[in-house]
Amino acid sequence: MAKPTYQELMDAGVHFGHMKRKWNPKMQPNIFMERKGIHIIDLNRTDTELDRAAKALKQIAASGKKILFVATKKQARDIVSKAALSVGMPFVVDRWLGGMMTNFSTIRKSVKKMQTIDTMLADTSLTSVTKKEKLTLTRERNKLERVLGGIANLNRLPGAIFIVDIGHEHIALAEATKLGMRTFGMVDTNSDPNIVDYAIPANDDASKSISIIINYMVEAIQDGLKEGAKAKQANNKAAVDKAAAKQA
């Protein structure tokens, strides 16, 4: 797992914060300087928090728990959805429905509805549905897919949530916090880093910055999944050996 170098973070524009007038004073420890009215993020702090977040995400993934990625900003959607899919993690990139986590049972019903529509549309022997009804069902299904597709395989609440722009996704963060989930986020100079468990000081607006942070987090998760698989395999082998010893 190769952590981004200082130069790579610079090249990706991770250090660019917001205009000084938009800053959150609680980000002061993570700000290196002000240049032409723009706050510059201290990449040494970013480096430290990247390490901390990566280790925690690796442990969570190794334990078998899911990590939910949330990024509904246009410039982050494709990056986050592709990254989450690559490690089999759930994601929300269209819009956050209020109660998506705190009212999870209702959301699951909507997912099941989407799956029922899929079954109906795939059944070529179904003659009772007219073309107009099929079109209506297809539109409804596409709407549900857009909003819920990324969590369709999430059967229980995730163990953690990773957010790009905690200010923009404040509802998702509030729900995760209420449920006691571990929270991770890219935190720009206009946000309060104290409201997430793992705050990574970083430009959360530029696609290159989002990409370099997200990809490193995903690599950490991948390593955790591999460790978890090895541990499971070792436990299974130990159980088989124990059973064989008893029979001997």
Protein backbone atom coordinates (compact mmCIF):
# COMPACT_ATOMS: atom_id res chain seq x y z
CA MET A 1 0.00 0.00 0.00
CA ALA A 2 1.84 3.09 -1.24
CA LYS A 3 0.91 6.26 0.59
CA PRO A 4 0.87 9.43 -1.55
CA THR A 5 4.08 11.43 -1.26
CA TYR A 6 4.16 15.07 -0.20
CA GLN A 7 4.80 16.06 -3.82
CA GLU A 8 1.90 13.94 -5.10
CA LEU A 9 -0.42 15.61 -2.61
CA MET A 10 0.83 19.00 -3.78
CA ASP A 11 0.38 18.10 -7.45
CA ALA A 12 -3.20 16.98 -6.74
CA GLY A 13 -3.99 20.32 -5.07
CA VAL A 14 -4.81 18.71 -1.73
CA HIS A 15 -3.36 21.77 0.05
CA PHE A 16 -5.75 24.34 -1.43
CA GLY A 17 -8.38 25.42 1.08
CA HIS A 18 -11.19 27.97 0.82
CA MET A 19 -11.15 31.76 0.93
CA LYS A 20 -10.16 33.06 4.36
CA ARG A 21 -13.59 34.64 4.88
CA LYS A 22 -15.19 31.17 4.63
CA TRP A 23 -12.94 29.44 7.12
CA ASN A 24 -13.94 27.56 10.24
CA PRO A 25 -11.68 28.66 13.12
CA LYS A 26 -11.57 25.09 14.42
CA MET A 27 -9.47 24.18 11.38
CA GLN A 28 -6.69 26.51 12.57
CA PRO A 29 -4.31 23.66 13.61
CA ASN A 30 -4.55 22.23 10.09
CA ILE A 31 -3.82 25.48 8.24
CA PHE A 32 -0.25 26.20 7.18
CA MET A 33 -0.65 29.76 5.91
CA GLU A 34 -2.79 32.20 3.98
CA ARG A 35 -1.88 33.11 0.41
CA LYS A 36 -3.75 35.70 -1.64
CA GLY A 37 -6.77 35.39 0.61
CA ILE A 38 -6.83 31.57 0.40
CA HIS A 39 -5.98 29.24 3.25
CA ILE A 40 -3.30 26.64 2.56
CA ILE A 41 -3.72 23.30 4.32
CA ASP A 42 -0.74 21.89 6.24
CA LEU A 43 0.11 18.72 4.30
CA ASN A 44 2.10 17.39 7.25
CA ARG A 45 -1.21 17.21 9.12
CA THR A 46 -2.83 15.61 6.09
CA ASP A 47 -0.06 13.01 5.99
CA THR A 48 -0.51 12.16 9.67
CA GLU A 49 -4.29 11.86 9.43
CA LEU A 50 -4.05 9.77 6.26
CA ASP A 51 -2.02 7.22 8.23
CA ARG A 52 -4.47 7.21 11.12
CA ALA A 53 -7.53 6.85 8.88
CA ALA A 54 -5.95 4.16 6.69
CA LYS A 55 -5.04 2.00 9.70
CA ALA A 56 -8.55 2.28 11.13
CA LEU A 57 -10.24 1.49 7.80
CA LYS A 58 -7.94 -1.49 7.30
CA GLN A 59 -8.96 -2.89 10.70
CA ILE A 60 -12.67 -2.34 10.03
CA ALA A 61 -12.45 -4.08 6.65
CA ALA A 62 -10.47 -6.97 8.16
CA SER A 63 -13.20 -7.45 10.77
CA GLY A 64 -15.75 -8.01 8.00
CA LYS A 65 -17.73 -4.82 8.55
CA LYS A 66 -18.86 -2.61 5.69
CA ILE A 67 -17.71 0.98 5.11
CA LEU A 68 -20.24 3.28 3.47
CA PHE A 69 -18.87 5.96 1.11
CA VAL A 70 -20.89 9.14 0.69
CA ALA A 71 -20.13 11.78 -1.95
CA THR A 72 -23.01 13.49 -3.73
CA LYS A 73 -20.97 16.37 -5.16
CA LYS A 74 -20.76 16.13 -8.95
CA GLN A 75 -16.95 16.09 -9.12
CA ALA A 76 -16.75 13.22 -6.61
CA ARG A 77 -19.51 10.86 -7.78
CA ASP A 78 -17.68 8.79 -10.39
CA ILE A 79 -14.46 8.65 -8.39
CA VAL A 80 -16.18 7.41 -5.24
CA SER A 81 -18.59 4.97 -6.89
CA LYS A 82 -15.79 3.27 -8.87
CA ALA A 83 -13.53 3.12 -5.81
CA ALA A 84 -16.25 1.67 -3.56
CA LEU A 85 -17.25 -0.91 -6.18
CA SER A 86 -13.63 -2.03 -6.53
CA VAL A 87 -13.64 -3.26 -2.92
CA GLY A 88 -17.30 -4.27 -2.69
CA MET A 89 -18.28 -1.43 -0.37
CA PRO A 90 -21.65 0.39 -0.38
CA PHE A 91 -21.91 3.97 -1.58
CA VAL A 92 -24.31 6.89 -2.00
CA VAL A 93 -23.44 9.34 -4.78
CA ASP A 94 -26.78 10.64 -6.06
CA ARG A 95 -28.50 12.12 -3.03
CA TRP A 96 -28.82 11.24 0.61
CA LEU A 97 -32.36 10.32 1.60
CA GLY A 98 -33.20 11.48 5.11
CA GLY A 99 -33.33 8.39 7.32
CA MET A 100 -31.16 6.33 5.00
CA MET A 101 -29.36 4.94 8.04
CA THR A 102 -31.59 5.88 11.00
CA ASN A 103 -34.65 4.43 9.23
CA PHE A 104 -32.77 1.60 7.53
CA SER A 105 -35.66 -0.89 7.58
CA THR A 106 -37.78 1.43 5.41
CA ILE A 107 -34.91 1.93 2.98
CA ARG A 108 -34.53 -1.86 2.74
CA LYS A 109 -38.19 -2.05 1.69
CA SER A 110 -37.48 0.35 -1.18
CA VAL A 111 -34.50 -1.79 -2.21
CA LYS A 112 -36.68 -4.91 -2.19
CA LYS A 113 -39.23 -3.04 -4.32
CA MET A 114 -36.48 -2.30 -6.85
CA GLN A 115 -35.48 -5.97 -6.87
CA THR A 116 -39.14 -7.01 -7.35
CA ILE A 117 -39.42 -4.70 -10.37
CA ASP A 118 -36.22 -6.25 -11.76
CA THR A 119 -37.78 -9.70 -11.47
CA MET A 120 -40.98 -8.57 -13.16
CA LEU A 121 -39.15 -6.91 -16.05
CA ALA A 122 -36.91 -9.94 -16.53
CA ASP A 123 -39.90 -12.30 -16.73
CA THR A 124 -40.55 -12.55 -20.48
CA SER A 125 -43.52 -14.85 -19.89
CA LEU A 126 -45.41 -12.10 -18.05
CA THR A 127 -48.23 -11.02 -20.35
CA SER A 128 -50.42 -9.12 -17.89
CA VAL A 129 -48.13 -6.06 -17.95
CA THR A 130 -48.72 -3.64 -20.82
CA LYS A 131 -45.98 -1.74 -22.63
CA LYS A 132 -47.03 1.45 -20.86
CA GLU A 133 -46.86 -0.25 -17.47
CA LYS A 134 -43.43 -1.68 -18.33
CA LEU A 135 -42.23 1.79 -19.23
CA THR A 136 -43.54 3.16 -15.93
CA LEU A 137 -41.89 0.33 -14.01
CA THR A 138 -38.60 0.88 -15.85
CA ARG A 139 -38.62 4.59 -15.00
CA GLU A 140 -39.40 3.86 -11.35
CA ARG A 141 -36.69 1.22 -11.26
CA ASN A 142 -34.10 3.58 -12.76
CA LYS A 143 -35.01 6.24 -10.20
CA LEU A 144 -34.58 3.77 -7.35
CA GLU A 145 -31.32 2.49 -8.84
CA ARG A 146 -29.91 6.01 -9.04
CA VAL A 147 -30.55 6.66 -5.35
CA LEU A 148 -30.32 3.20 -3.79
CA GLY A 149 -28.24 1.14 -6.23
CA GLY A 150 -25.05 1.65 -4.25
CA ILE A 151 -26.59 0.17 -1.08
CA ALA A 152 -28.69 -2.57 -2.72
CA ASN A 153 -26.50 -5.30 -1.21
CA LEU A 154 -26.23 -3.68 2.22
CA ASN A 155 -28.25 -5.98 4.50
CA ARG A 156 -27.27 -4.39 7.78
CA LEU A 157 -25.92 -1.08 9.00
CA PRO A 158 -22.27 -0.45 8.06
CA GLY A 159 -19.57 -0.23 10.68
CA ALA A 160 -18.24 3.10 9.40
CA ILE A 161 -18.91 5.91 6.98
CA PHE A 162 -16.44 7.83 4.81
CA ILE A 163 -17.61 11.25 3.63
CA VAL A 164 -16.26 13.63 1.03
CA ASP A 165 -17.13 17.13 2.34
CA ILE A 166 -18.66 16.74 5.80
CA GLY A 167 -20.42 20.11 5.50
CA HIS A 168 -22.21 19.17 2.29
CA GLU A 169 -23.14 15.73 3.69
CA HIS A 170 -24.12 16.98 7.15
CA ILE A 171 -27.34 14.90 7.26
CA ALA A 172 -25.46 11.67 6.53
CA LEU A 173 -22.86 12.55 9.17
CA ALA A 174 -25.55 13.36 11.76
CA GLU A 175 -27.26 10.00 11.17
CA ALA A 176 -23.99 8.06 11.37
CA THR A 177 -23.01 9.87 14.58
CA LYS A 178 -26.42 9.19 16.13
CA LEU A 179 -26.02 5.48 15.41
CA GLY A 180 -22.51 5.37 16.85
CA MET A 181 -20.82 4.52 13.56
CA ARG A 182 -17.17 5.44 13.17
CA THR A 183 -16.93 8.50 10.96
CA PHE A 184 -14.22 9.42 8.45
CA GLY A 185 -14.11 12.46 6.22
CA MET A 186 -12.19 14.78 3.96
CA VAL A 187 -12.33 18.08 5.82
CA ASP A 188 -11.70 21.39 4.07
CA THR A 189 -10.91 24.72 5.76
CA ASN A 190 -14.60 25.69 5.94
CA SER A 191 -15.57 22.73 8.16
CA ASP A 192 -15.22 21.63 11.78
CA PRO A 193 -12.79 18.67 12.00
CA ASN A 194 -13.94 17.83 15.51
CA ILE A 195 -17.30 16.41 14.41
CA VAL A 196 -15.73 13.36 12.74
CA ASP A 197 -13.64 10.64 14.37
CA TYR A 198 -11.05 10.68 11.57
CA ALA A 199 -10.70 14.06 9.87
CA ILE A 200 -8.35 14.23 6.89
CA PRO A 201 -7.47 17.89 6.15
CA ALA A 202 -7.81 18.16 2.38
CA ASN A 203 -9.30 20.04 -0.54
CA ASP A 204 -12.72 18.39 -0.92
CA ASP A 205 -13.70 20.25 -4.10
CA ALA A 206 -11.06 19.29 -6.68
CA SER A 207 -11.43 15.92 -8.39
CA LYS A 208 -7.66 15.21 -8.30
CA SER A 209 -7.55 15.82 -4.56
CA ILE A 210 -10.61 13.64 -3.95
CA SER A 211 -9.17 10.90 -6.14
CA ILE A 212 -5.77 10.67 -4.45
CA ILE A 213 -7.32 10.51 -0.96
CA ILE A 214 -10.09 8.07 -1.86
CA ASN A 215 -7.77 5.74 -3.77
CA TYR A 216 -5.40 5.51 -0.81
CA MET A 217 -8.30 4.75 1.54
CA VAL A 218 -9.49 2.03 -0.83
CA GLU A 219 -6.02 0.48 -0.93
CA ALA A 220 -6.09 0.32 2.87
CA ILE A 221 -9.50 -1.36 2.74
CA GLN A 222 -8.23 -3.83 0.15
CA ASP A 223 -5.34 -4.77 2.43
CA GLY A 224 -7.80 -5.21 5.29
CA LEU A 225 -10.03 -7.48 3.21
CA LYS A 226 -7.04 -9.64 2.31
CA GLU A 227 -6.01 -9.90 5.97
CA GLY A 228 -9.57 -10.79 6.94
CA ALA A 229 -9.75 -13.50 4.28
CA LYS A 230 -6.42 -14.99 5.44
CA ALA A 231 -7.55 -14.99 9.07
CA LYS A 232 -10.84 -16.67 8.13
CA GLN A 233 -9.00 -19.29 6.11
CA ALA A 234 -6.62 -19.95 9.01
CA ASN A 235 -9.53 -20.27 11.46
CA ASN A 236 -11.33 -22.69 9.15
CA LYS A 237 -8.18 -24.80 8.81
CA ALA A 238 -7.72 -24.81 12.58
CA ALA A 239 -11.33 -25.96 13.03
CA VAL A 240 -10.88 -28.77 10.50
CA ASP A 241 -7.60 -29.89 12.13
CA LYS A 242 -9.26 -29.86 15.56
CA ALA A 243 -12.17 -31.94 14.31
CA ALA A 244 -9.77 -34.39 12.65
CA ALA A 245 -7.74 -34.71 15.86
CA LYS A 246 -10.86 -35.58 17.84
CA GLN A 247 -11.77 -38.34 15.38
CA ALA A 248 -8.27 -39.80 15.43
